[in-house]
C-alpha cells in the first residue's frame, strides 16, 4: 500500500466511515463504610470527614437511633446510629462520619471506612421502596457482596419527623 492509499483510508475514516464511538460512562463516587461486618455506601459529596469520637454525650427524649452528641471544633454534632435504623441493634463503635448537610451538624456512627470507589451508574440496581419511603438509593455488587447506597436525605427527613413527634 502506498502513501496515497493510506491517506485516502485515513480521510475516509475521519469523514465518518469509522466505527461509532462508545457513549461516555458516568460514574458515581461512593464512600463504602462498615456497620459491624456489613458494608454500606453513601455519596462522597455527603461526607465531610471521618473522625474518632472522643466523648459521646447522651441526649434524653430523642429517638433510639440518636446516639448522642460529639464536639467538633466547638460545634455540637448529632450522632445517628444507622444500625439502630436498619437492624434495630446498637452499634458499638467510636468512629463517626461527619456529614455535609447545610447548617445541620450531623454525623453517622460507623465501624470503619472500607474504601472510596467509582461505580458506573449502569451497575447500580434500583431498590424498591416500602411504605412510601426508602432509606436506600440503590445497590451494587462489590467483590460478590451486595452493598446498599444510603439515602442521606431520607435519614435526615426521618430524624426531623421523629424529633417533632417524640
Foldseek 3Di string as FASTA:
>chain_A
DDPVVVVVVVVVCVVPPPDDDDDDWDWFKWWWFAQPNAIAIEGPLFFDDKDFAPDFADDPPAPPQFRHWGADPNDIETEGEVCCVVPVDGGDAGMWTFTPDPPHTYIYGGHGTDDIDIGTPVQWAADDDPPPDDQFRTWGDDPNDIYTYGDVVRVVVVRVVRSVVD
